[in-house]
């Protein structure tokens, strides 16, 4: 097998293109913390931290979930299941990304280095958590919610209040769209005794809870804008975020086959629009 094909298999293993969910908010925090441009060093280190952290989390997920994935028609063709990526290759992939993440944290600052292993622990427990608790959706949210905190720590060596609120917003944003995404596997989870909120509460209540989570998200992002002393462009980002999340819920409620579109397209654009508008807000004020 060619090197190019193996890279493609690993990219499919971790669904590399979905790194877009973690990238925007780590850089939102870095821009706000630095009051503008934070330098090429932190740009590179921040990108490496985001990529290696997500690769580690997804690698652990695919490694531990391969038995369940083999039973699910939606996931049975994943590289971790069909043998394109072997168990030893997955173990090596997980270890390399963990080492990269800790090394990058060391070169950022002392607080980042101290937090590196606890962050990896949180990123790794999602797969185990969902074997015994429906709260795994929240754990997944926390995993991505750590991204803004990591961004602020990289720039400031500290955790200001505005980034905590931003991170809580990201946590409920991710948990909310994971609830919607999990509707696809509701019947499978029930049949295989897997713990998920859709399998416990049903589709109707899951939709209501996801809407509540996303309402909390918008409230938190509004508070973030106020605490960070941002202005009208950042407020516009929050308003657009609210509209896009409403559209996401409209798509899913109208037709469950639209879940992929809602999950990937809408949320992907939301993160980047939020980042662009907050960056413009900071740039115009400091320009």
C-alpha atoms as a PDB file:
ATOM      1  CA  UNK A   1       0.000   0.000   0.000  1.00  0.00           C
ATOM      2  CA  UNK A   2       1.302   3.448  -0.912  1.00  0.00           C
ATOM      3  CA  UNK A   3       2.143   6.120   1.651  1.00  0.00           C
ATOM      4  CA  UNK A   4      -0.492   8.373   0.081  1.00  0.00           C
ATOM      5  CA  UNK A   5      -3.182   5.741   0.532  1.00  0.00           C
ATOM      6  CA  UNK A   6      -2.168   5.152   4.149  1.00  0.00           C
ATOM      7  CA  UNK A   7      -2.434   8.896   4.850  1.00  0.00           C
ATOM      8  CA  UNK A   8      -5.883   8.830   3.286  1.00  0.00           C
ATOM      9  CA  UNK A   9      -6.869   5.940   5.565  1.00  0.00           C
ATOM     10  CA  UNK A  10      -5.688   7.774   8.684  1.00  0.00           C
ATOM     11  CA  UNK A  11      -7.468  10.929   7.529  1.00  0.00           C
ATOM     12  CA  UNK A  12     -10.670   8.908   7.165  1.00  0.00           C
ATOM     13  CA  UNK A  13     -10.026   7.260  10.541  1.00  0.00           C
ATOM     14  CA  UNK A  14     -10.155  10.592  12.389  1.00  0.00           C
ATOM     15  CA  UNK A  15     -12.353  12.400   9.817  1.00  0.00           C
ATOM     16  CA  UNK A  16      -9.622  15.034   9.575  1.00  0.00           C
ATOM     17  CA  UNK A  17     -11.816  17.593   7.817  1.00  0.00           C
ATOM     18  CA  UNK A  18     -13.915  17.882  10.979  1.00  0.00           C
ATOM     19  CA  UNK A  19     -10.991  19.520  12.760  1.00  0.00           C
ATOM     20  CA  UNK A  20     -12.767  22.701  11.639  1.00  0.00           C
ATOM     21  CA  UNK A  21     -14.940  22.420  14.762  1.00  0.00           C
ATOM     22  CA  UNK A  22     -12.013  22.916  17.154  1.00  0.00           C
ATOM     23  CA  UNK A  23      -9.898  25.364  15.135  1.00  0.00           C
ATOM     24  CA  UNK A  24     -12.036  28.542  15.102  1.00  0.00           C
ATOM     25  CA  UNK A  25     -12.608  28.865  18.836  1.00  0.00           C
ATOM     26  CA  UNK A  26      -9.037  28.263  19.947  1.00  0.00           C
ATOM     27  CA  UNK A  27      -8.056  31.132  17.639  1.00  0.00           C
ATOM     28  CA  UNK A  28     -10.999  33.294  18.758  1.00  0.00           C
ATOM     29  CA  UNK A  29      -9.594  33.064  22.277  1.00  0.00           C
ATOM     30  CA  UNK A  30      -6.053  33.779  21.091  1.00  0.00           C
ATOM     31  CA  UNK A  31      -7.101  36.869  19.123  1.00  0.00           C
ATOM     32  CA  UNK A  32      -9.110  38.270  22.023  1.00  0.00           C
ATOM     33  CA  UNK A  33      -6.381  37.470  24.557  1.00  0.00           C
ATOM     34  CA  UNK A  34      -3.704  39.145  22.427  1.00  0.00           C
ATOM     35  CA  UNK A  35      -5.961  42.055  21.413  1.00  0.00           C
ATOM     36  CA  UNK A  36      -5.051  41.208  17.832  1.00  0.00           C
ATOM     37  CA  UNK A  37      -2.250  39.278  16.154  1.00  0.00           C
ATOM     38  CA  UNK A  38      -0.541  36.795  18.492  1.00  0.00           C
ATOM     39  CA  UNK A  39       2.457  35.905  16.332  1.00  0.00           C
ATOM     40  CA  UNK A  40       3.509  33.123  13.985  1.00  0.00           C
ATOM     41  CA  UNK A  41       4.999  31.015  16.787  1.00  0.00           C
ATOM     42  CA  UNK A  42       1.683  30.704  18.610  1.00  0.00           C
ATOM     43  CA  UNK A  43      -0.161  30.279  15.306  1.00  0.00           C
ATOM     44  CA  UNK A  44       1.918  27.201  14.513  1.00  0.00           C
ATOM     45  CA  UNK A  45       1.903  25.846  18.069  1.00  0.00           C
ATOM     46  CA  UNK A  46      -1.842  26.456  18.404  1.00  0.00           C
ATOM     47  CA  UNK A  47      -2.565  24.622  15.165  1.00  0.00           C
ATOM     48  CA  UNK A  48      -0.330  21.701  16.169  1.00  0.00           C
ATOM     49  CA  UNK A  49      -2.007  21.511  19.581  1.00  0.00           C
ATOM     50  CA  UNK A  50      -5.508  21.503  18.054  1.00  0.00           C
ATOM     51  CA  UNK A  51      -4.637  18.872  15.439  1.00  0.00           C
ATOM     52  CA  UNK A  52      -2.735  16.529  17.774  1.00  0.00           C
ATOM     53  CA  UNK A  53      -5.374  16.802  20.527  1.00  0.00           C
ATOM     54  CA  UNK A  54      -8.193  15.955  18.147  1.00  0.00           C
ATOM     55  CA  UNK A  55      -6.207  13.161  16.482  1.00  0.00           C
ATOM     56  CA  UNK A  56      -5.519  11.677  19.918  1.00  0.00           C
ATOM     57  CA  UNK A  57      -9.194  11.874  20.928  1.00  0.00           C
ATOM     58  CA  UNK A  58     -10.462  10.407  17.667  1.00  0.00           C
ATOM     59  CA  UNK A  59      -7.764   7.724  17.672  1.00  0.00           C
ATOM     60  CA  UNK A  60      -8.777   6.588  21.166  1.00  0.00           C
ATOM     61  CA  UNK A  61     -12.447   6.694  20.148  1.00  0.00           C
ATOM     62  CA  UNK A  62     -11.925   4.564  17.053  1.00  0.00           C
ATOM     63  CA  UNK A  63      -9.633   2.134  18.881  1.00  0.00           C
ATOM     64  CA  UNK A  64     -11.985   1.496  21.784  1.00  0.00           C
ATOM     65  CA  UNK A  65     -15.185   1.622  19.728  1.00  0.00           C
ATOM     66  CA  UNK A  66     -14.190  -0.811  16.987  1.00  0.00           C
ATOM     67  CA  UNK A  67     -16.398  -3.610  18.437  1.00  0.00           C
ATOM     68  CA  UNK A  68     -19.486  -1.388  18.454  1.00  0.00           C
ATOM     69  CA  UNK A  69     -18.644   0.223  15.111  1.00  0.00           C
ATOM     70  CA  UNK A  70     -18.460  -3.220  13.506  1.00  0.00           C
ATOM     71  CA  UNK A  71     -22.128  -3.804  14.374  1.00  0.00           C
ATOM     72  CA  UNK A  72     -23.450  -0.445  13.197  1.00  0.00           C
ATOM     73  CA  UNK A  73     -24.274  -0.233   9.456  1.00  0.00           C
ATOM     74  CA  UNK A  74     -23.320   3.476   9.532  1.00  0.00           C
ATOM     75  CA  UNK A  75     -19.808   2.806  10.873  1.00  0.00           C
ATOM     76  CA  UNK A  76     -18.896  -0.732   9.800  1.00  0.00           C
ATOM     77  CA  UNK A  77     -16.719   0.495   6.919  1.00  0.00           C
ATOM     78  CA  UNK A  78     -14.441   2.675   9.050  1.00  0.00           C
ATOM     79  CA  UNK A  79     -10.689   1.970   8.630  1.00  0.00           C
ATOM     80  CA  UNK A  80     -10.523   0.879  12.280  1.00  0.00           C
ATOM     81  CA  UNK A  81     -13.112  -1.823  11.582  1.00  0.00           C
ATOM     82  CA  UNK A  82     -12.320  -3.106   8.104  1.00  0.00           C
ATOM     83  CA  UNK A  83      -8.593  -3.552   8.789  1.00  0.00           C
ATOM     84  CA  UNK A  84      -7.177  -0.734   6.672  1.00  0.00           C
ATOM     85  CA  UNK A  85      -5.604   0.630   9.869  1.00  0.00           C
ATOM     86  CA  UNK A  86      -4.309  -2.123  12.167  1.00  0.00           C
ATOM     87  CA  UNK A  87      -4.491  -2.162  15.963  1.00  0.00           C
ATOM     88  CA  UNK A  88      -0.744  -1.553  16.268  1.00  0.00           C
ATOM     89  CA  UNK A  89      -0.972   1.355  13.832  1.00  0.00           C
ATOM     90  CA  UNK A  90      -3.803   2.901  15.866  1.00  0.00           C
ATOM     91  CA  UNK A  91      -1.840   2.493  19.100  1.00  0.00           C
ATOM     92  CA  UNK A  92       1.198   4.143  17.517  1.00  0.00           C
ATOM     93  CA  UNK A  93      -0.979   6.931  16.104  1.00  0.00           C
ATOM     94  CA  UNK A  94      -2.490   7.616  19.545  1.00  0.00           C
ATOM     95  CA  UNK A  95       0.922   7.624  21.243  1.00  0.00           C
ATOM     96  CA  UNK A  96       2.536   9.918  18.655  1.00  0.00           C
ATOM     97  CA  UNK A  97      -0.264  12.476  18.888  1.00  0.00           C
ATOM     98  CA  UNK A  98      -0.156  12.420  22.698  1.00  0.00           C
ATOM     99  CA  UNK A  99       3.600  13.051  22.624  1.00  0.00           C
ATOM    100  CA  UNK A 100       3.198  15.839  20.065  1.00  0.00           C
ATOM    101  CA  UNK A 101       0.491  17.520  22.162  1.00  0.00           C
ATOM    102  CA  UNK A 102       2.525  17.415  25.387  1.00  0.00           C
ATOM    103  CA  UNK A 103       5.664  18.597  23.577  1.00  0.00           C
ATOM    104  CA  UNK A 104       3.814  21.507  21.968  1.00  0.00           C
ATOM    105  CA  UNK A 105       2.357  22.447  25.371  1.00  0.00           C
ATOM    106  CA  UNK A 106       5.889  22.503  26.823  1.00  0.00           C
ATOM    107  CA  UNK A 107       7.014  25.006  24.208  1.00  0.00           C
ATOM    108  CA  UNK A 108       3.969  27.233  24.782  1.00  0.00           C
ATOM    109  CA  UNK A 109       4.329  27.967  28.495  1.00  0.00           C
ATOM    110  CA  UNK A 110       4.454  26.328  31.934  1.00  0.00           C
ATOM    111  CA  UNK A 111       0.690  26.434  32.573  1.00  0.00           C
ATOM    112  CA  UNK A 112      -0.035  24.835  29.190  1.00  0.00           C
ATOM    113  CA  UNK A 113       2.456  22.073  30.014  1.00  0.00           C
ATOM    114  CA  UNK A 114       0.868  21.448  33.442  1.00  0.00           C
ATOM    115  CA  UNK A 115      -2.578  21.167  31.864  1.00  0.00           C
ATOM    116  CA  UNK A 116      -1.505  18.923  28.969  1.00  0.00           C
ATOM    117  CA  UNK A 117      -1.987  15.524  30.630  1.00  0.00           C
ATOM    118  CA  UNK A 118      -5.301  16.415  32.349  1.00  0.00           C
ATOM    119  CA  UNK A 119      -6.591  17.634  28.978  1.00  0.00           C
ATOM    120  CA  UNK A 120      -5.551  14.375  27.288  1.00  0.00           C
ATOM    121  CA  UNK A 121      -7.335  12.450  30.043  1.00  0.00           C
ATOM    122  CA  UNK A 122     -10.572  14.357  29.435  1.00  0.00           C
ATOM    123  CA  UNK A 123     -10.236  13.872  25.684  1.00  0.00           C
ATOM    124  CA  UNK A 124      -9.752  10.141  26.146  1.00  0.00           C
ATOM    125  CA  UNK A 125     -12.618   9.347  28.537  1.00  0.00           C
ATOM    126  CA  UNK A 126     -15.473  10.164  26.142  1.00  0.00           C
ATOM    127  CA  UNK A 127     -15.467   6.724  24.529  1.00  0.00           C
ATOM    128  CA  UNK A 128     -15.352   4.953  27.900  1.00  0.00           C
ATOM    129  CA  UNK A 129     -17.970   7.289  29.397  1.00  0.00           C
ATOM    130  CA  UNK A 130     -20.626   6.497  26.821  1.00  0.00           C
ATOM    131  CA  UNK A 131     -20.453   2.823  27.796  1.00  0.00           C
ATOM    132  CA  UNK A 132     -22.114   3.609  31.131  1.00  0.00           C
ATOM    133  CA  UNK A 133     -23.635   7.105  31.024  1.00  0.00           C
ATOM    134  CA  UNK A 134     -25.797   9.165  28.692  1.00  0.00           C
ATOM    135  CA  UNK A 135     -23.856  12.215  29.883  1.00  0.00           C
ATOM    136  CA  UNK A 136     -21.164  11.332  27.341  1.00  0.00           C
ATOM    137  CA  UNK A 137     -22.590  14.090  25.118  1.00  0.00           C
ATOM    138  CA  UNK A 138     -21.553  16.615  27.774  1.00  0.00           C
ATOM    139  CA  UNK A 139     -18.103  15.053  28.033  1.00  0.00           C
ATOM    140  CA  UNK A 140     -17.683  15.443  24.279  1.00  0.00           C
ATOM    141  CA  UNK A 141     -18.774  19.068  24.608  1.00  0.00           C
ATOM    142  CA  UNK A 142     -16.224  19.649  27.369  1.00  0.00           C
ATOM    143  CA  UNK A 143     -13.523  18.121  25.171  1.00  0.00           C
ATOM    144  CA  UNK A 144     -14.024  20.745  22.470  1.00  0.00           C
ATOM    145  CA  UNK A 145     -14.869  23.395  25.040  1.00  0.00           C
ATOM    146  CA  UNK A 146     -11.298  23.142  26.270  1.00  0.00           C
ATOM    147  CA  UNK A 147     -10.053  24.640  22.986  1.00  0.00           C
ATOM    148  CA  UNK A 148     -10.732  28.314  23.858  1.00  0.00           C
ATOM    149  CA  UNK A 149      -9.188  27.859  27.312  1.00  0.00           C
ATOM    150  CA  UNK A 150      -6.094  26.389  25.650  1.00  0.00           C
ATOM    151  CA  UNK A 151      -5.968  29.415  23.344  1.00  0.00           C
ATOM    152  CA  UNK A 152      -6.137  31.913  26.223  1.00  0.00           C
ATOM    153  CA  UNK A 153      -3.545  29.979  28.224  1.00  0.00           C
ATOM    154  CA  UNK A 154      -1.202  30.004  25.220  1.00  0.00           C
ATOM    155  CA  UNK A 155      -1.302  33.797  24.977  1.00  0.00           C
ATOM    156  CA  UNK A 156      -1.767  34.880  28.604  1.00  0.00           C
ATOM    157  CA  UNK A 157      -0.551  31.989  30.724  1.00  0.00           C
ATOM    158  CA  UNK A 158      -3.818  32.516  32.587  1.00  0.00           C
ATOM    159  CA  UNK A 159      -7.558  31.690  32.379  1.00  0.00           C
ATOM    160  CA  UNK A 160      -9.642  34.912  32.374  1.00  0.00           C
ATOM    161  CA  UNK A 161     -13.372  34.865  33.107  1.00  0.00           C
ATOM    162  CA  UNK A 162     -14.401  35.706  29.532  1.00  0.00           C
ATOM    163  CA  UNK A 163     -12.765  32.565  28.148  1.00  0.00           C
ATOM    164  CA  UNK A 164     -14.499  30.382  30.745  1.00  0.00           C
ATOM    165  CA  UNK A 165     -17.879  31.685  29.540  1.00  0.00           C
ATOM    166  CA  UNK A 166     -16.821  31.273  25.893  1.00  0.00           C
ATOM    167  CA  UNK A 167     -15.788  27.685  26.642  1.00  0.00           C
ATOM    168  CA  UNK A 168     -19.074  26.888  28.393  1.00  0.00           C
ATOM    169  CA  UNK A 169     -20.828  28.162  25.274  1.00  0.00           C
ATOM    170  CA  UNK A 170     -18.700  25.912  23.061  1.00  0.00           C
ATOM    171  CA  UNK A 171     -19.353  22.968  25.402  1.00  0.00           C
ATOM    172  CA  UNK A 172     -23.138  23.302  25.052  1.00  0.00           C
ATOM    173  CA  UNK A 173     -22.832  24.045  21.311  1.00  0.00           C
ATOM    174  CA  UNK A 174     -20.999  20.759  20.740  1.00  0.00           C
ATOM    175  CA  UNK A 175     -23.159  18.768  23.167  1.00  0.00           C
ATOM    176  CA  UNK A 176     -26.252  20.148  21.442  1.00  0.00           C
ATOM    177  CA  UNK A 177     -25.260  19.205  17.941  1.00  0.00           C
ATOM    178  CA  UNK A 178     -23.985  15.826  19.183  1.00  0.00           C
ATOM    179  CA  UNK A 179     -27.493  15.180  20.524  1.00  0.00           C
ATOM    180  CA  UNK A 180     -28.890  15.887  17.066  1.00  0.00           C
ATOM    181  CA  UNK A 181     -26.234  13.725  15.418  1.00  0.00           C
ATOM    182  CA  UNK A 182     -26.932  10.868  17.848  1.00  0.00           C
ATOM    183  CA  UNK A 183     -30.548  10.675  16.680  1.00  0.00           C
ATOM    184  CA  UNK A 184     -29.218   8.654  13.735  1.00  0.00           C
ATOM    185  CA  UNK A 185     -28.115   5.877  16.108  1.00  0.00           C
ATOM    186  CA  UNK A 186     -31.039   5.964  18.536  1.00  0.00           C
ATOM    187  CA  UNK A 187     -32.459   2.560  17.593  1.00  0.00           C
ATOM    188  CA  UNK A 188     -28.985   1.012  17.399  1.00  0.00           C
ATOM    189  CA  UNK A 189     -28.098   2.343  20.867  1.00  0.00           C
ATOM    190  CA  UNK A 190     -31.317   0.930  22.335  1.00  0.00           C
ATOM    191  CA  UNK A 191     -30.718  -2.468  20.739  1.00  0.00           C
ATOM    192  CA  UNK A 192     -27.097  -2.665  21.900  1.00  0.00           C
ATOM    193  CA  UNK A 193     -27.580  -1.192  25.390  1.00  0.00           C
ATOM    194  CA  UNK A 194     -25.448   1.863  24.645  1.00  0.00           C
ATOM    195  CA  UNK A 195     -26.005   4.974  26.690  1.00  0.00           C
ATOM    196  CA  UNK A 196     -27.141   8.051  24.807  1.00  0.00           C
ATOM    197  CA  UNK A 197     -29.721  10.703  25.548  1.00  0.00           C
ATOM    198  CA  UNK A 198     -31.806   9.856  22.433  1.00  0.00           C
ATOM    199  CA  UNK A 199     -31.975   6.208  23.522  1.00  0.00           C
ATOM    200  CA  UNK A 200     -33.075   7.259  27.030  1.00  0.00           C
ATOM    201  CA  UNK A 201     -35.402  10.188  26.296  1.00  0.00           C
ATOM    202  CA  UNK A 202     -36.594   9.590  22.740  1.00  0.00           C
ATOM    203  CA  UNK A 203     -36.387  11.860  19.701  1.00  0.00           C
ATOM    204  CA  UNK A 204     -38.865  14.535  20.793  1.00  0.00           C
ATOM    205  CA  UNK A 205     -37.259  15.185  24.176  1.00  0.00           C
ATOM    206  CA  UNK A 206     -33.789  15.042  22.647  1.00  0.00           C
ATOM    207  CA  UNK A 207     -34.743  17.784  20.197  1.00  0.00           C
ATOM    208  CA  UNK A 208     -36.025  19.918  23.073  1.00  0.00           C
ATOM    209  CA  UNK A 209     -32.865  19.349  25.104  1.00  0.00           C
ATOM    210  CA  UNK A 210     -30.642  20.168  22.134  1.00  0.00           C
ATOM    211  CA  UNK A 211     -32.579  23.414  21.685  1.00  0.00           C
ATOM    212  CA  UNK A 212     -32.054  24.222  25.379  1.00  0.00           C
ATOM    213  CA  UNK A 213     -28.326  23.514  25.079  1.00  0.00           C
ATOM    214  CA  UNK A 214     -28.035  25.820  22.088  1.00  0.00           C
ATOM    215  CA  UNK A 215     -29.984  28.535  23.900  1.00  0.00           C
ATOM    216  CA  UNK A 216     -27.410  28.316  26.703  1.00  0.00           C
ATOM    217  CA  UNK A 217     -24.705  28.549  24.036  1.00  0.00           C
ATOM    218  CA  UNK A 218     -26.017  31.824  22.665  1.00  0.00           C
ATOM    219  CA  UNK A 219     -26.446  33.291  26.160  1.00  0.00           C
ATOM    220  CA  UNK A 220     -22.868  32.337  27.066  1.00  0.00           C
ATOM    221  CA  UNK A 221     -21.478  33.792  23.847  1.00  0.00           C
ATOM    222  CA  UNK A 222     -23.338  37.048  24.482  1.00  0.00           C
ATOM    223  CA  UNK A 223     -21.873  37.222  28.000  1.00  0.00           C
ATOM    224  CA  UNK A 224     -18.435  36.484  26.528  1.00  0.00           C
ATOM    225  CA  UNK A 225     -18.752  39.469  24.182  1.00  0.00           C
ATOM    226  CA  UNK A 226     -19.625  41.712  27.125  1.00  0.00           C
ATOM    227  CA  UNK A 227     -16.924  40.397  29.472  1.00  0.00           C
ATOM    228  CA  UNK A 228     -14.261  40.660  26.757  1.00  0.00           C
ATOM    229  CA  UNK A 229     -15.311  44.252  25.971  1.00  0.00           C
ATOM    230  CA  UNK A 230     -16.000  43.428  22.342  1.00  0.00           C
ATOM    231  CA  UNK A 231     -18.272  45.454  20.083  1.00  0.00           C
ATOM    232  CA  UNK A 232     -20.965  45.269  17.411  1.00  0.00           C
ATOM    233  CA  UNK A 233     -19.217  42.877  15.020  1.00  0.00           C
ATOM    234  CA  UNK A 234     -18.800  40.337  17.819  1.00  0.00           C
ATOM    235  CA  UNK A 235     -22.459  40.830  18.744  1.00  0.00           C
ATOM    236  CA  UNK A 236     -23.305  40.225  15.087  1.00  0.00           C
ATOM    237  CA  UNK A 237     -21.367  36.940  15.341  1.00  0.00           C
ATOM    238  CA  UNK A 238     -23.600  35.891  18.229  1.00  0.00           C
ATOM    239  CA  UNK A 239     -26.761  36.859  16.337  1.00  0.00           C
ATOM    240  CA  UNK A 240     -25.658  34.979  13.211  1.00  0.00           C
ATOM    241  CA  UNK A 241     -24.771  32.013  15.417  1.00  0.00           C
ATOM    242  CA  UNK A 242     -28.298  32.035  16.839  1.00  0.00           C
ATOM    243  CA  UNK A 243     -29.816  32.144  13.344  1.00  0.00           C
ATOM    244  CA  UNK A 244     -27.597  29.313  12.095  1.00  0.00           C
ATOM    245  CA  UNK A 245     -28.373  27.111  15.092  1.00  0.00           C
ATOM    246  CA  UNK A 246     -32.090  27.774  14.579  1.00  0.00           C
ATOM    247  CA  UNK A 247     -31.696  26.722  10.949  1.00  0.00           C
ATOM    248  CA  UNK A 248     -29.872  23.580  12.065  1.00  0.00           C
ATOM    249  CA  UNK A 249     -32.789  22.623  14.298  1.00  0.00           C
ATOM    250  CA  UNK A 250     -35.223  23.393  11.494  1.00  0.00           C
ATOM    251  CA  UNK A 251     -33.346  21.032   9.155  1.00  0.00           C
ATOM    252  CA  UNK A 252     -33.260  18.188  11.650  1.00  0.00           C
ATOM    253  CA  UNK A 253     -36.876  18.546  12.774  1.00  0.00           C
ATOM    254  CA  UNK A 254     -38.034  18.648   9.165  1.00  0.00           C
ATOM    255  CA  UNK A 255     -36.127  15.555   8.056  1.00  0.00           C
ATOM    256  CA  UNK A 256     -33.746  13.334  10.042  1.00  0.00           C
ATOM    257  CA  UNK A 257     -31.908  12.551   6.791  1.00  0.00           C
ATOM    258  CA  UNK A 258     -30.683  16.172   6.914  1.00  0.00           C
ATOM    259  CA  UNK A 259     -28.667  15.504  10.081  1.00  0.00           C
ATOM    260  CA  UNK A 260     -25.342  15.251   8.227  1.00  0.00           C
ATOM    261  CA  UNK A 261     -25.992  18.580   6.510  1.00  0.00           C
ATOM    262  CA  UNK A 262     -26.914  20.227   9.796  1.00  0.00           C
ATOM    263  CA  UNK A 263     -24.023  18.695  11.700  1.00  0.00           C
ATOM    264  CA  UNK A 264     -21.182  19.278   9.278  1.00  0.00           C
ATOM    265  CA  UNK A 265     -22.128  22.172   7.016  1.00  0.00           C
ATOM    266  CA  UNK A 266     -23.973  24.503   9.364  1.00  0.00           C
ATOM    267  CA  UNK A 267     -21.665  24.019  12.352  1.00  0.00           C
ATOM    268  CA  UNK A 268     -18.551  24.251  10.207  1.00  0.00           C
ATOM    269  CA  UNK A 269     -19.607  27.602   8.767  1.00  0.00           C
ATOM    270  CA  UNK A 270     -20.773  28.844  12.169  1.00  0.00           C
ATOM    271  CA  UNK A 271     -17.334  28.469  13.741  1.00  0.00           C
ATOM    272  CA  UNK A 272     -15.527  30.253  10.941  1.00  0.00           C
ATOM    273  CA  UNK A 273     -18.048  33.110  10.726  1.00  0.00           C
ATOM    274  CA  UNK A 274     -17.756  33.595  14.479  1.00  0.00           C
ATOM    275  CA  UNK A 275     -13.950  33.677  14.239  1.00  0.00           C
ATOM    276  CA  UNK A 276     -13.884  36.098  11.302  1.00  0.00           C
ATOM    277  CA  UNK A 277     -16.319  38.570  12.878  1.00  0.00           C
ATOM    278  CA  UNK A 278     -14.617  38.529  16.288  1.00  0.00           C
ATOM    279  CA  UNK A 279     -11.224  39.014  14.595  1.00  0.00           C
ATOM    280  CA  UNK A 280     -12.564  41.947  12.589  1.00  0.00           C
ATOM    281  CA  UNK A 281     -14.088  43.393  15.747  1.00  0.00           C
ATOM    282  CA  UNK A 282     -10.731  43.266  17.565  1.00  0.00           C
ATOM    283  CA  UNK A 283      -8.819  44.533  14.511  1.00  0.00           C
ATOM    284  CA  UNK A 284     -11.096  47.538  13.943  1.00  0.00           C
ATOM    285  CA  UNK A 285     -11.007  48.585  17.586  1.00  0.00           C
ATOM    286  CA  UNK A 286      -7.222  48.243  17.856  1.00  0.00           C
ATOM    287  CA  UNK A 287      -6.614  49.597  14.359  1.00  0.00           C
END
